[in-house]
Amino acid sequence: MDEIGAVVSEREAAGNQADAGVFYPWRRYMARMFDIFIYNTIWSVFLTFAFNVNLAARGSFANLLDGFVAVLLMLFVEPIWLHVWGTTPGKAVFGLHITAPSGRRFSYGEALERTWGVLGAGMGYNIPIYNLVCLWRSYKRCSEREIQPWDESGIYVIRDRKWYRGVIFIGANLLVFGLLWTAAAAKDLPPNRGPLTVAEFAENHNYFTDYYGIGKGYMVLDANGQWTENPDSSTTIVVAGDDRPEYEFAVTEGELTGISFSVERENYRDWISSPKVQMIMAALSFAGAQEEMGLHAKERKEMVEIIGNSGFEDFAFEKAGISFACEVEYSGFNDTHADLLIPEESAEAPYYRLRFTMQKEK
């Protein structure tokens, strides 16, 4: 007797569906949520690598749209699992199995019809508020030992209720989360690694500014590391007083060994914002390309935190074989401690100067 036949025999031996353990609302709900977590992860990884989407920057509307895409994936992928294996990853974790009344596996069409019923009556098509109402109704039916509408054409059984299935559930969620986290971490690695040329640094820089949405892609670095209009941008924007730093490069036998930029303002009577975003982009593009900066290197986070917390203060540190230094001096300005310097009304000649350097150690 094959595996499916054994499951049906277990149900017949139990006498009815209630004894077969169909009415476990929380097991069924967690199995469903784990499956949806998988669909969400598949979609998120696709967005990350196919369209260079920064998942951490997704807004509420985008997250809502992602939820609809996840249930759309469920609508077409779940029937395949039910047709081939008679279960889904979430259901398998909790020992749940579904077959046609005869004990055979569902055809794809039958499984699709069942999944459509789950999506509508059970999940309210994932429409906010309405989905909560449908989930509550499903919970009540299951708690009161009523057959769910989408289960009427099949046999839903549970193999066992062993304690270790909860442990497997936690481990499976951690595994999928780890996959999602690793995919996000992989996007923090620049396209060019190891020894860089100026052109490769520029490519890394353009990659990170696009990924993090810095400057909206209006300006990019060319192969010589100079700012130029992005030929792929459909919008031309002119910003008065644009203060993008001009990078200076140190090159030894074709290899980029140092990067620096300076910002200086004399008798300047406007607000000055900290260039720490530019420093972070340059650091990720240069230091982040070193071999020591692996997939989960803590040095990358530490580097970004030091620069991000610097404000208008000097700093010096070393990461991944790169020495960092930033020197700041100003007069006639008040530091708001919010990454802004505001000129004093009584100042005769407000002055500001910053120099940032990264140097590869020999």
Foldseek 3Di string as FASTA:
>chain_A
DDPLVVLVVVCVVLPHQVSLPPLDLVLVVLLVVLLLLLLLLVVLLCCCPVVVAQPVPDDPVSVLVSSLSSLVCVLQVVLVCQQPPQADVSCVLQQKGKDFPVSHGDDSVLSSVLSVLCCCQQQVSVDPPSRVVSVVVVNVCSNVPHDRPSCPRIRMGGPDRDPCSVVVSVVSVVVSVVVSVLSSLVLLAFPAADFDAQQQLQSSLLSVCCSVVPPVQQWGAHSNRAIDGRPPDPDHDDDPPDDDWRKDFDDDPRTTFKIKTKDKDKLDQAKDFAPLVVVLSSCSSPLVRYPCNDSPDVLNVVVSVCSVQQQQHWDWDDDNQKTKTKDKDWPQWDRPSPRMTHGDPPDDMTIIMMMIMIGRHD
